[in-house]
N, C-alpha and C. Protein backbone atom coordinates (compact mmCIF):
# COMPACT_ATOMS: atom_id res chain seq x y z
N MET A 1 141.65 88.45 86.69
CA MET A 1 141.33 87.08 86.99
C MET A 1 140.50 86.21 86.20
N ALA A 2 140.52 85.30 85.67
CA ALA A 2 139.07 84.56 85.05
C ALA A 2 138.72 84.26 85.62
N THR A 3 137.25 84.06 85.67
CA THR A 3 135.86 84.02 86.10
C THR A 3 136.33 82.06 86.35
N THR A 4 135.94 81.52 87.49
CA THR A 4 135.82 80.22 87.76
C THR A 4 134.85 79.36 86.91
N SER A 5 135.03 78.67 86.13
CA SER A 5 133.94 78.12 85.55
C SER A 5 132.69 76.96 86.02
N VAL A 6 131.76 77.11 85.63
CA VAL A 6 131.14 76.20 86.52
C VAL A 6 130.87 75.22 86.14
N LYS A 7 130.67 74.47 87.59
CA LYS A 7 130.65 72.91 87.79
C LYS A 7 129.60 72.78 89.01
N GLU A 8 128.09 72.56 88.37
CA GLU A 8 127.33 72.54 89.62
C GLU A 8 127.49 71.48 90.04
N LYS A 9 126.94 71.29 91.40
CA LYS A 9 126.59 70.20 92.41
C LYS A 9 125.22 69.47 92.59
N ASP A 10 125.41 68.45 92.71
CA ASP A 10 123.83 68.06 93.26
C ASP A 10 123.22 68.36 94.00
N PHE A 11 121.87 68.78 94.39
CA PHE A 11 121.28 69.54 95.59
C PHE A 11 121.83 69.28 96.61
N MET A 12 121.68 67.71 97.02
CA MET A 12 122.01 67.32 98.40
C MET A 12 123.47 67.81 99.17
N THR A 13 123.97 67.60 98.21
CA THR A 13 125.10 67.83 98.63
C THR A 13 125.46 69.73 98.60
N VAL A 14 124.99 70.36 97.60
CA VAL A 14 124.56 72.21 97.95
C VAL A 14 124.24 72.10 99.14
N VAL A 15 122.60 71.31 99.64
CA VAL A 15 122.46 71.83 100.82
C VAL A 15 123.29 71.30 102.12
N ARG A 16 124.02 70.33 102.26
CA ARG A 16 124.80 69.80 102.96
C ARG A 16 126.15 70.70 103.34
N GLU A 17 126.53 71.07 102.34
CA GLU A 17 127.97 71.99 102.17
C GLU A 17 127.91 73.25 102.34
N ARG A 18 126.70 73.75 101.89
CA ARG A 18 126.75 75.80 102.17
C ARG A 18 127.16 75.79 103.50
N ARG A 19 127.56 76.91 103.83
CA ARG A 19 128.32 77.33 105.05
C ARG A 19 128.15 78.72 104.98
N SER A 20 127.94 79.68 105.76
CA SER A 20 127.85 81.07 106.02
C SER A 20 129.48 81.53 106.21
N VAL A 21 130.07 81.98 105.22
CA VAL A 21 131.60 82.06 104.77
C VAL A 21 131.84 83.72 105.07
N ARG A 22 132.64 84.30 105.93
CA ARG A 22 132.66 85.78 106.40
C ARG A 22 134.36 85.74 105.81
N HIS A 23 135.10 84.85 105.06
CA HIS A 23 136.39 85.30 105.01
C HIS A 23 136.21 84.83 103.59
N TYR A 24 136.83 86.01 102.67
CA TYR A 24 137.15 85.76 100.89
C TYR A 24 138.14 86.24 100.53
N ASP A 25 138.72 85.76 99.45
CA ASP A 25 139.50 85.86 98.77
C ASP A 25 139.33 87.08 97.93
N PRO A 26 139.94 87.96 98.24
CA PRO A 26 139.64 89.32 96.98
C PRO A 26 140.17 89.05 95.51
N ALA A 27 140.83 88.48 95.61
CA ALA A 27 141.37 88.22 93.75
C ALA A 27 140.57 87.68 93.17
N ALA A 28 139.46 86.61 93.89
CA ALA A 28 138.30 86.20 93.11
C ALA A 28 137.44 86.84 92.69
N LYS A 29 137.00 86.61 90.99
CA LYS A 29 136.10 87.47 90.44
C LYS A 29 135.11 86.73 90.11
N ILE A 30 133.90 87.24 90.08
CA ILE A 30 132.54 86.95 89.09
C ILE A 30 131.86 87.27 88.27
N SER A 31 131.93 86.84 86.71
CA SER A 31 131.56 88.11 85.71
C SER A 31 130.01 88.28 86.24
N ARG A 32 129.79 89.70 85.52
CA ARG A 32 128.41 89.82 85.53
C ARG A 32 127.71 88.97 84.93
N GLU A 33 127.80 88.34 83.99
CA GLU A 33 127.06 87.05 83.27
C GLU A 33 127.01 85.87 84.30
N GLU A 34 127.76 85.49 84.92
CA GLU A 34 127.36 84.48 85.63
C GLU A 34 126.64 84.76 87.15
N LEU A 35 127.02 85.96 87.40
CA LEU A 35 125.35 86.77 88.67
C LEU A 35 124.27 87.23 88.07
N SER A 36 124.08 87.36 86.86
CA SER A 36 123.20 87.47 86.38
C SER A 36 122.40 86.06 86.46
N ASP A 37 123.25 85.21 85.75
CA ASP A 37 122.77 83.41 85.89
C ASP A 37 122.29 83.42 87.18
N MET A 38 122.92 83.07 88.07
CA MET A 38 122.47 83.33 89.65
C MET A 38 121.07 83.63 90.05
N LEU A 39 121.41 85.27 89.53
CA LEU A 39 120.34 86.05 90.14
C LEU A 39 118.70 85.10 89.08
N LYS A 40 118.84 84.86 88.04
CA LYS A 40 117.93 84.02 87.25
C LYS A 40 117.43 82.86 88.15
N GLU A 41 118.28 82.27 88.41
CA GLU A 41 117.87 80.78 89.18
C GLU A 41 117.37 81.41 90.39
N ALA A 42 117.69 82.07 91.19
CA ALA A 42 117.11 82.42 92.02
C ALA A 42 115.61 83.31 91.99
N ALA A 43 115.69 83.75 90.82
CA ALA A 43 114.48 84.17 90.62
C ALA A 43 113.09 83.59 90.42
N LEU A 44 113.63 82.17 90.19
CA LEU A 44 112.64 80.91 89.98
C LEU A 44 111.82 80.47 91.43
N ALA A 45 112.16 81.31 92.64
CA ALA A 45 111.70 81.00 93.82
C ALA A 45 110.21 81.47 93.82
N PRO A 46 109.42 80.70 94.61
CA PRO A 46 107.80 81.73 94.93
C PRO A 46 107.48 82.53 95.26
N SER A 47 106.62 82.85 95.19
CA SER A 47 105.98 84.35 95.43
C SER A 47 104.92 84.73 95.67
N SER A 48 103.91 85.62 96.33
CA SER A 48 102.79 85.85 96.76
C SER A 48 102.07 86.35 95.05
N SER A 49 101.38 85.46 94.79
CA SER A 49 100.28 85.76 93.63
C SER A 49 101.34 85.57 92.27
N ASN A 50 102.77 85.03 92.68
CA ASN A 50 103.59 85.13 91.93
C ASN A 50 104.01 86.46 90.81
N LEU A 51 104.25 87.33 92.20
CA LEU A 51 104.13 89.10 91.36
C LEU A 51 105.63 89.43 91.88
N GLN A 52 106.39 88.46 92.49
CA GLN A 52 107.87 88.75 91.99
C GLN A 52 108.47 89.92 92.63
N PRO A 53 107.98 90.13 93.77
CA PRO A 53 108.57 91.58 94.09
C PRO A 53 109.67 91.92 94.97
N TRP A 54 111.00 90.94 95.06
CA TRP A 54 112.23 91.04 95.04
C TRP A 54 112.89 92.01 93.95
N ARG A 55 113.87 92.66 94.17
CA ARG A 55 114.45 93.49 93.01
C ARG A 55 116.35 93.02 94.16
N PHE A 56 116.91 93.34 92.72
CA PHE A 56 118.67 92.92 93.29
C PHE A 56 119.22 94.70 93.19
N LEU A 57 120.00 95.10 94.11
CA LEU A 57 121.01 95.76 93.94
C LEU A 57 122.62 95.32 94.36
N VAL A 58 123.22 94.96 93.28
CA VAL A 58 124.36 94.08 92.99
C VAL A 58 125.31 95.37 93.18
N PHE A 59 126.33 94.96 94.07
CA PHE A 59 127.73 96.06 94.30
C PHE A 59 128.94 95.02 93.86
N ASP A 60 129.33 95.69 92.73
CA ASP A 60 130.87 94.81 92.40
C ASP A 60 131.95 95.66 91.99
N ASP A 61 131.92 96.99 92.11
CA ASP A 61 132.86 97.64 91.82
C ASP A 61 133.27 97.63 93.19
N PRO A 62 134.77 98.04 93.45
CA PRO A 62 135.10 97.89 94.34
C PRO A 62 135.68 99.53 95.43
N ALA A 63 135.21 100.58 94.54
CA ALA A 63 135.46 101.51 95.38
C ALA A 63 133.62 102.12 95.36
N VAL A 64 132.78 100.93 95.14
CA VAL A 64 130.95 101.66 95.66
C VAL A 64 131.04 100.54 97.04
N LYS A 65 131.87 99.66 96.39
CA LYS A 65 131.47 98.47 98.19
C LYS A 65 132.60 98.87 99.29
N GLU A 66 133.60 100.25 98.70
CA GLU A 66 134.13 101.09 100.22
C GLU A 66 133.12 101.85 100.91
N ARG A 67 132.28 101.94 99.79
CA ARG A 67 131.33 103.32 100.07
C ARG A 67 130.13 102.35 101.36
N LEU A 68 130.06 101.05 100.67
CA LEU A 68 128.79 99.92 101.40
C LEU A 68 129.43 99.51 102.73
N LEU A 69 130.28 99.52 102.77
CA LEU A 69 131.41 98.76 104.17
C LEU A 69 131.06 99.30 105.54
N PRO A 70 130.92 101.16 105.79
CA PRO A 70 130.74 101.66 106.70
C PRO A 70 128.91 101.48 107.24
N ILE A 71 128.08 101.14 106.20
CA ILE A 71 126.67 100.61 106.35
C ILE A 71 126.77 99.60 106.82
N ALA A 72 127.53 98.62 106.15
CA ALA A 72 127.34 97.26 106.89
C ALA A 72 128.46 96.70 107.87
N ASN A 73 128.45 98.02 108.63
CA ASN A 73 129.41 97.79 110.17
C ASN A 73 130.75 97.71 109.89
N ASN A 74 131.25 97.56 108.58
CA ASN A 74 132.62 97.50 108.43
C ASN A 74 132.69 95.90 108.56
N GLN A 75 132.02 94.90 107.86
CA GLN A 75 132.26 93.45 108.05
C GLN A 75 133.06 93.78 106.60
N LYS A 76 134.60 92.75 106.93
CA LYS A 76 135.33 93.19 105.92
C LYS A 76 134.77 92.19 104.58
N GLN A 77 133.69 91.02 104.35
CA GLN A 77 133.45 90.69 103.71
C GLN A 77 132.89 91.57 102.72
N VAL A 78 132.38 92.39 102.62
CA VAL A 78 132.07 93.65 101.86
C VAL A 78 132.79 93.73 100.84
N VAL A 79 133.75 94.07 101.03
CA VAL A 79 134.92 94.62 100.38
C VAL A 79 136.11 93.12 99.57
N ASP A 80 135.94 92.27 100.47
CA ASP A 80 136.38 91.09 99.86
C ASP A 80 136.00 90.10 98.97
N ALA A 81 134.44 90.06 99.31
CA ALA A 81 133.72 89.20 98.09
C ALA A 81 133.71 89.83 96.90
N ALA A 82 133.50 88.92 95.81
CA ALA A 82 133.40 89.46 94.69
C ALA A 82 132.51 90.60 94.13
N ALA A 83 131.40 90.14 95.26
CA ALA A 83 129.81 91.17 94.84
C ALA A 83 129.27 90.75 95.81
N VAL A 84 128.41 92.31 96.59
CA VAL A 84 127.56 92.01 97.49
C VAL A 84 126.56 92.39 97.07
N ILE A 85 124.98 91.54 97.06
CA ILE A 85 123.80 91.79 97.01
C ILE A 85 122.85 92.43 97.59
N ALA A 86 122.43 93.56 97.59
CA ALA A 86 120.99 93.80 98.46
C ALA A 86 119.87 93.43 97.96
N VAL A 87 119.40 92.65 98.70
CA VAL A 87 117.99 91.69 98.14
C VAL A 87 116.99 93.04 98.87
N LEU A 88 115.87 93.40 97.88
CA LEU A 88 114.85 94.51 98.16
C LEU A 88 113.46 93.91 97.78
N GLY A 89 112.54 94.28 99.14
CA GLY A 89 111.19 93.83 98.51
C GLY A 89 110.92 95.03 97.93
N ASP A 90 109.74 95.04 96.95
CA ASP A 90 109.42 96.35 96.57
C ASP A 90 108.11 96.21 97.15
N VAL A 91 107.07 97.01 97.75
CA VAL A 91 106.19 97.04 98.68
C VAL A 91 104.65 97.64 97.51
N GLN A 92 105.20 97.86 96.34
CA GLN A 92 104.41 98.52 95.10
C GLN A 92 104.48 97.23 93.80
N GLY A 93 105.28 96.27 94.19
CA GLY A 93 105.42 95.24 93.44
C GLY A 93 103.97 94.77 92.63
N TYR A 94 102.94 94.50 93.26
CA TYR A 94 101.53 94.14 93.14
C TYR A 94 101.21 95.21 91.89
N GLU A 95 102.06 96.28 91.09
CA GLU A 95 101.38 97.06 89.96
C GLU A 95 101.91 96.50 88.97
N ASN A 96 103.07 95.81 89.06
CA ASN A 96 103.61 94.88 87.80
C ASN A 96 102.69 93.11 87.79
N ALA A 97 101.42 93.29 88.06
CA ALA A 97 100.78 92.46 87.95
C ALA A 97 100.14 92.26 86.33
N PRO A 98 99.68 93.35 85.44
CA PRO A 98 99.62 93.22 84.18
C PRO A 98 100.61 92.29 83.38
N LYS A 99 101.60 93.08 83.38
CA LYS A 99 102.74 92.50 83.11
C LYS A 99 103.18 91.24 83.34
N VAL A 100 102.82 90.89 84.47
CA VAL A 100 103.18 89.60 85.01
C VAL A 100 102.07 88.49 84.22
N TYR A 101 101.37 88.98 84.17
CA TYR A 101 100.25 87.69 83.65
C TYR A 101 99.66 87.80 82.56
N LYS A 102 100.22 88.91 81.89
CA LYS A 102 100.23 88.88 80.08
C LYS A 102 101.53 87.96 79.80
N ALA A 103 102.44 87.90 80.52
CA ALA A 103 103.15 86.96 80.14
C ALA A 103 102.99 85.61 80.15
N ALA A 104 102.25 85.45 81.24
CA ALA A 104 101.82 84.21 81.14
C ALA A 104 100.97 83.71 80.13
N VAL A 105 100.01 84.56 79.49
CA VAL A 105 98.79 84.66 78.51
C VAL A 105 99.82 84.22 77.31
N GLU A 106 100.87 84.88 76.84
CA GLU A 106 101.56 84.73 75.88
C GLU A 106 102.92 83.55 75.89
N ALA A 107 103.12 82.97 77.17
CA ALA A 107 103.55 81.47 77.39
C ALA A 107 102.80 80.58 77.30
N GLY A 108 101.21 80.75 76.84
CA GLY A 108 100.34 79.86 76.72
C GLY A 108 99.75 79.03 78.37
N TYR A 109 99.99 79.73 79.63
CA TYR A 109 100.02 79.41 80.89
C TYR A 109 98.30 79.71 81.39
N MET A 110 98.22 80.91 80.74
CA MET A 110 96.63 81.10 81.14
C MET A 110 95.78 81.89 79.99
N THR A 111 94.48 81.38 79.97
CA THR A 111 93.84 82.48 78.87
C THR A 111 93.78 83.56 79.51
N LYS A 112 93.54 84.77 78.07
CA LYS A 112 93.34 85.74 78.75
C LYS A 112 92.39 86.36 79.70
N GLU A 113 91.34 85.39 79.52
CA GLU A 113 89.68 85.75 80.10
C GLU A 113 90.62 85.74 82.01
N ILE A 114 91.37 84.93 82.20
CA ILE A 114 91.51 84.35 83.91
C ILE A 114 92.73 85.34 83.44
N ALA A 115 93.66 85.41 83.04
CA ALA A 115 94.88 86.44 83.50
C ALA A 115 94.21 88.13 83.85
N GLN A 116 92.80 88.53 82.85
CA GLN A 116 92.60 89.76 83.14
C GLN A 116 91.78 89.91 84.65
N ASN A 117 91.16 88.61 84.54
CA ASN A 117 90.47 88.61 86.39
C ASN A 117 91.38 88.40 87.22
N MET A 118 92.53 87.85 87.19
CA MET A 118 93.80 88.33 88.21
C MET A 118 94.31 89.24 87.87
N ILE A 119 94.57 89.83 87.02
CA ILE A 119 94.67 91.26 87.42
C ILE A 119 94.13 92.10 87.88
N GLU A 120 92.83 92.47 87.54
CA GLU A 120 91.93 93.23 88.30
C GLU A 120 91.84 92.71 89.88
N ARG A 121 91.99 91.45 90.35
CA ARG A 121 91.86 91.05 91.64
C ARG A 121 93.44 91.48 92.32
N THR A 122 94.19 91.54 91.72
CA THR A 122 95.58 91.94 92.37
C THR A 122 95.04 93.38 92.55
N LEU A 123 95.39 93.99 91.95
CA LEU A 123 95.40 95.56 91.69
C LEU A 123 94.21 95.66 92.32
N THR A 124 93.54 95.68 92.83
CA THR A 124 92.28 95.83 93.71
C THR A 124 92.49 95.52 95.17
N GLY A 125 92.87 94.11 95.36
CA GLY A 125 93.00 93.54 96.57
C GLY A 125 94.11 94.27 97.68
N TYR A 126 95.75 94.21 96.85
CA TYR A 126 96.94 94.26 97.15
C TYR A 126 96.91 95.62 97.69
N SER A 127 96.21 96.47 96.89
CA SER A 127 96.50 98.42 96.94
C SER A 127 95.46 98.18 98.34
N GLN A 128 94.80 97.80 98.55
CA GLN A 128 94.15 97.81 99.90
C GLN A 128 94.64 97.42 101.45
N ILE A 129 95.48 96.89 101.46
CA ILE A 129 95.93 96.14 102.61
C ILE A 129 97.05 97.17 103.47
N GLY A 130 97.35 97.71 103.01
CA GLY A 130 98.02 99.05 103.68
C GLY A 130 99.62 98.70 103.29
N ARG A 131 100.63 99.48 103.94
CA ARG A 131 102.26 99.47 103.56
C ARG A 131 102.59 98.35 104.60
N GLU A 132 102.19 98.29 105.73
CA GLU A 132 102.42 96.80 106.98
C GLU A 132 102.60 95.68 106.26
N LYS A 133 101.50 95.23 105.87
CA LYS A 133 101.05 94.44 105.46
C LYS A 133 101.83 94.23 104.16
N LEU A 134 102.32 95.12 103.48
CA LEU A 134 102.77 94.60 102.09
C LEU A 134 104.30 94.45 102.33
N GLU A 135 104.79 94.98 103.21
CA GLU A 135 106.36 94.96 103.59
C GLU A 135 106.37 93.66 104.13
N HIS A 136 105.60 93.02 105.17
CA HIS A 136 105.29 91.58 105.60
C HIS A 136 105.30 90.84 104.52
N ILE A 137 104.46 91.07 103.37
CA ILE A 137 104.79 90.24 101.87
C ILE A 137 106.32 90.42 101.46
N ALA A 138 106.53 91.23 101.33
CA ALA A 138 108.14 91.71 100.63
C ALA A 138 109.02 91.01 101.35
N LEU A 139 108.80 90.82 102.73
CA LEU A 139 110.42 90.49 103.34
C LEU A 139 109.94 88.54 103.47
N ILE A 140 108.87 88.57 103.40
CA ILE A 140 108.69 86.92 103.25
C ILE A 140 109.47 86.22 101.87
N ASP A 141 108.84 87.13 100.61
CA ASP A 141 109.23 86.51 99.40
C ASP A 141 110.62 87.27 99.17
N GLY A 142 111.05 88.29 100.04
CA GLY A 142 112.57 88.40 99.48
C GLY A 142 113.14 87.20 100.35
N GLY A 143 112.99 86.96 101.42
CA GLY A 143 113.63 85.69 102.50
C GLY A 143 114.00 84.80 101.37
N LEU A 144 112.67 84.23 100.41
CA LEU A 144 112.68 82.72 99.74
C LEU A 144 113.19 83.52 98.85
N VAL A 145 113.77 84.68 98.21
CA VAL A 145 114.71 84.32 96.94
C VAL A 145 115.77 84.38 97.37
N SER A 146 116.35 85.18 98.46
CA SER A 146 117.80 84.81 99.48
C SER A 146 117.90 83.92 99.44
N MET A 147 117.25 82.94 100.20
CA MET A 147 117.87 81.60 100.19
C MET A 147 117.97 80.83 99.11
N GLN A 148 117.24 80.95 98.07
CA GLN A 148 117.52 80.24 96.71
C GLN A 148 119.01 80.79 95.88
N LEU A 149 119.21 81.99 96.25
CA LEU A 149 120.26 82.80 95.61
C LEU A 149 121.86 81.99 96.11
N MET A 150 121.74 81.88 97.76
CA MET A 150 122.67 81.27 98.32
C MET A 150 122.99 79.78 97.67
N LEU A 151 121.65 79.18 97.66
CA LEU A 151 121.69 77.86 96.83
C LEU A 151 122.62 77.66 95.45
N ALA A 152 121.78 78.53 94.92
CA ALA A 152 122.60 78.65 93.15
C ALA A 152 123.72 78.80 93.53
N ALA A 153 124.24 79.65 94.08
CA ALA A 153 125.88 80.19 94.36
C ALA A 153 126.32 78.70 94.66
N LYS A 154 125.76 78.05 95.67
CA LYS A 154 126.62 77.16 96.33
C LYS A 154 126.90 76.13 95.16
N ALA A 155 125.73 75.66 94.37
CA ALA A 155 125.71 75.00 93.51
C ALA A 155 126.76 75.11 92.57
N ARG A 156 126.99 76.87 91.84
CA ARG A 156 128.52 76.53 91.09
C ARG A 156 129.61 77.13 91.61
N GLY A 157 129.97 76.62 92.88
CA GLY A 157 130.74 76.71 93.82
C GLY A 157 131.42 78.14 94.29
N TYR A 158 130.37 78.91 94.49
CA TYR A 158 130.15 80.12 95.26
C TYR A 158 130.32 79.71 96.66
N ASP A 159 130.61 80.82 97.72
CA ASP A 159 130.46 80.80 98.85
C ASP A 159 129.29 82.11 99.37
N THR A 160 128.89 82.23 99.98
CA THR A 160 128.13 83.43 100.37
C THR A 160 127.58 83.63 101.88
N VAL A 161 127.44 84.28 102.77
CA VAL A 161 126.55 84.60 103.86
C VAL A 161 125.86 86.00 103.84
N PRO A 162 124.70 85.39 104.12
CA PRO A 162 123.78 86.38 104.43
C PRO A 162 123.82 87.52 105.53
N MET A 163 123.69 88.59 105.80
CA MET A 163 123.66 89.76 106.48
C MET A 163 122.56 90.95 106.89
N GLY A 164 122.40 90.91 108.03
CA GLY A 164 121.41 91.49 108.54
C GLY A 164 122.01 92.53 109.09
N GLY A 165 123.11 92.41 109.63
CA GLY A 165 123.95 93.62 110.27
C GLY A 165 124.54 94.96 109.28
N PHE A 166 123.27 95.38 108.82
CA PHE A 166 123.79 96.87 108.64
C PHE A 166 122.41 97.70 108.64
N HIS A 167 123.11 99.00 108.24
CA HIS A 167 122.14 99.95 108.67
C HIS A 167 121.22 100.61 107.44
N ALA A 168 119.89 99.95 107.05
CA ALA A 168 118.89 99.77 106.57
C ALA A 168 118.64 101.46 105.50
N ASP A 169 118.64 102.39 106.99
CA ASP A 169 118.18 103.93 106.59
C ASP A 169 119.40 104.52 105.98
N ARG A 170 120.65 104.04 106.30
CA ARG A 170 121.50 104.66 105.58
C ARG A 170 121.85 104.21 104.33
N LEU A 171 121.49 102.88 104.25
CA LEU A 171 121.76 102.28 102.52
C LEU A 171 120.62 102.70 101.78
N MET A 172 119.45 102.89 102.13
CA MET A 172 118.13 103.89 101.34
C MET A 172 118.96 105.30 100.80
N GLN A 173 119.42 105.64 102.06
CA GLN A 173 120.07 107.10 101.56
C GLN A 173 121.39 107.13 100.46
N GLU A 174 122.61 106.28 100.90
CA GLU A 174 123.72 106.43 100.47
C GLU A 174 123.16 106.35 98.74
N PHE A 175 122.57 105.07 98.43
CA PHE A 175 122.49 104.63 97.37
C PHE A 175 120.97 104.99 96.82
N GLU A 176 120.63 106.14 97.44
CA GLU A 176 119.01 106.72 96.68
C GLU A 176 118.27 105.79 96.34
N ILE A 177 118.16 104.86 97.19
CA ILE A 177 116.77 103.80 96.69
C ILE A 177 115.57 104.10 96.98
N PRO A 178 114.71 104.27 96.18
CA PRO A 178 113.24 104.60 96.22
C PRO A 178 112.54 104.26 97.72
N GLU A 179 111.47 104.89 97.99
CA GLU A 179 110.81 104.34 99.62
C GLU A 179 109.80 103.08 99.06
N ARG A 180 109.51 102.67 98.05
CA ARG A 180 109.00 101.76 97.79
C ARG A 180 109.48 100.30 97.88
N TYR A 181 111.18 100.62 97.97
CA TYR A 181 111.77 99.31 98.84
C TYR A 181 111.70 99.33 100.05
N VAL A 182 111.88 98.03 100.55
CA VAL A 182 112.69 97.76 101.93
C VAL A 182 113.77 96.89 101.61
N PRO A 183 114.40 97.17 102.48
CA PRO A 183 116.00 96.46 102.59
C PRO A 183 115.32 94.76 103.40
N VAL A 184 116.11 93.43 102.74
CA VAL A 184 115.75 92.23 103.22
C VAL A 184 116.76 91.79 103.65
N MET A 185 118.14 91.92 102.95
CA MET A 185 119.56 91.72 103.58
C MET A 185 120.22 91.53 102.40
N LEU A 186 121.83 92.16 103.01
CA LEU A 186 122.84 91.79 102.20
C LEU A 186 123.31 90.38 102.11
N ILE A 187 123.96 90.17 100.76
CA ILE A 187 124.38 88.99 100.70
C ILE A 187 125.35 88.73 99.95
N ALA A 188 126.69 88.68 100.47
CA ALA A 188 128.03 88.61 99.87
C ALA A 188 128.41 86.90 99.29
N VAL A 189 129.25 87.31 98.12
CA VAL A 189 129.12 86.41 97.08
C VAL A 189 130.26 86.12 96.63
N GLY A 190 131.52 85.13 96.62
CA GLY A 190 132.58 84.94 96.47
C GLY A 190 133.26 83.82 96.44
N LYS A 191 134.76 83.48 96.87
CA LYS A 191 135.21 82.29 97.42
C LYS A 191 135.66 82.43 98.14
N ALA A 192 135.83 81.37 98.91
CA ALA A 192 136.39 81.47 100.51
C ALA A 192 137.94 81.46 100.65
N ALA A 193 138.22 82.32 101.18
CA ALA A 193 139.76 82.40 101.58
C ALA A 193 140.04 81.26 102.76
N SER A 194 139.10 80.90 103.48
CA SER A 194 138.96 80.13 104.45
C SER A 194 137.64 79.47 104.67
N PRO A 195 137.24 78.15 105.10
CA PRO A 195 135.71 77.60 105.29
C PRO A 195 135.29 78.52 106.15
N GLY A 196 133.65 78.24 106.20
CA GLY A 196 132.79 78.48 107.00
C GLY A 196 132.76 77.55 108.32
N HIS A 197 132.57 77.95 109.36
CA HIS A 197 132.13 77.08 110.41
C HIS A 197 131.46 76.14 110.43
N PRO A 198 131.71 74.87 110.22
CA PRO A 198 130.43 73.95 110.80
C PRO A 198 129.82 74.37 111.64
N THR A 199 128.48 73.95 111.87
CA THR A 199 127.39 74.59 112.91
C THR A 199 126.69 73.14 113.02
N THR A 200 125.92 73.07 114.29
CA THR A 200 124.87 71.87 114.74
C THR A 200 123.59 72.28 114.46
N ARG A 201 122.80 71.61 114.11
CA ARG A 201 120.82 72.02 114.28
C ARG A 201 120.19 71.33 115.38
N LEU A 202 119.32 72.11 115.99
CA LEU A 202 118.46 71.29 116.59
C LEU A 202 118.16 69.94 116.46
N PRO A 203 117.67 69.18 117.21
CA PRO A 203 117.24 67.67 117.11
C PRO A 203 115.60 68.17 116.03
N ILE A 204 115.48 67.03 114.66
CA ILE A 204 114.10 67.53 114.36
C ILE A 204 112.98 66.90 115.45
N GLU A 205 112.98 66.55 115.95
CA GLU A 205 112.15 66.12 117.12
C GLU A 205 111.71 67.37 118.51
N ASP A 206 112.58 68.07 118.16
CA ASP A 206 112.26 69.40 119.40
C ASP A 206 111.92 70.45 118.56
N ILE A 207 111.86 70.57 117.09
CA ILE A 207 111.27 71.35 116.09
C ILE A 207 110.20 71.09 115.17
N THR A 208 109.68 70.10 115.31
CA THR A 208 108.56 69.73 114.47
C THR A 208 107.30 69.12 115.18
N PHE A 209 106.01 69.34 114.95
CA PHE A 209 104.82 69.17 115.99
C PHE A 209 104.23 68.55 114.59
N TRP A 210 103.13 67.52 115.42
CA TRP A 210 102.49 66.72 113.49
C TRP A 210 100.74 67.29 114.48
N ASN A 211 100.43 68.16 113.66
CA ASN A 211 98.68 67.79 113.76
C ASN A 211 98.51 68.99 114.98
N GLY A 212 99.70 69.49 115.33
CA GLY A 212 99.02 70.35 116.58
C GLY A 212 100.34 70.24 117.59
N PHE A 213 100.13 71.42 118.56
CA PHE A 213 100.89 71.13 119.39
C PHE A 213 101.07 70.97 120.90
N ALA A 214 101.71 69.66 121.30
CA ALA A 214 101.68 68.82 122.87
C ALA A 214 101.43 69.87 123.56
N LYS A 215 100.36 69.23 124.32
CA LYS A 215 99.54 70.05 125.70
C LYS A 215 100.93 69.64 126.72
């Protein structure tokens, strides 16, 4: 089946129409080129020290998605959606500081002196804060890129659902994921077979506080 052509929506429409969709049209496909474009848009998300510690493991082969199915508690969207993306956080992502900051120099965004200073500070600082804190950073950054990925998909007319209901240890083992990575979530991407359920939100007055919590 041909890939659906891109027809991007305006931001407010995307935000208001995005739903978590669990029923997908198994005949709908998304090309790797378009998936890559969505990931590029997602990767524009902010990250700690711009280290971009997210990594994407994309499952688009039906046979491989069948292997993923029991790991994801047999959620049918795993096999029906066009692809499932495992968002991973790299706790050793700070080791990419030289590549990140040298690229900034080449782009004219900073001087060599500033980049060298940033590289030294990053490598020294992040290497000393411990695995638990590094995982915390990776999970926050992974959440940011995940939300941006879902919005990028919706802007292109696709549907998504974030999944936390999976066995992280089995995912790591089955797909031989190195220990430097921590699973953040799985995201199914495809075309809805039936629309996601509308949901309500708490009043903004109930969740917003100004300049401190009321006594």
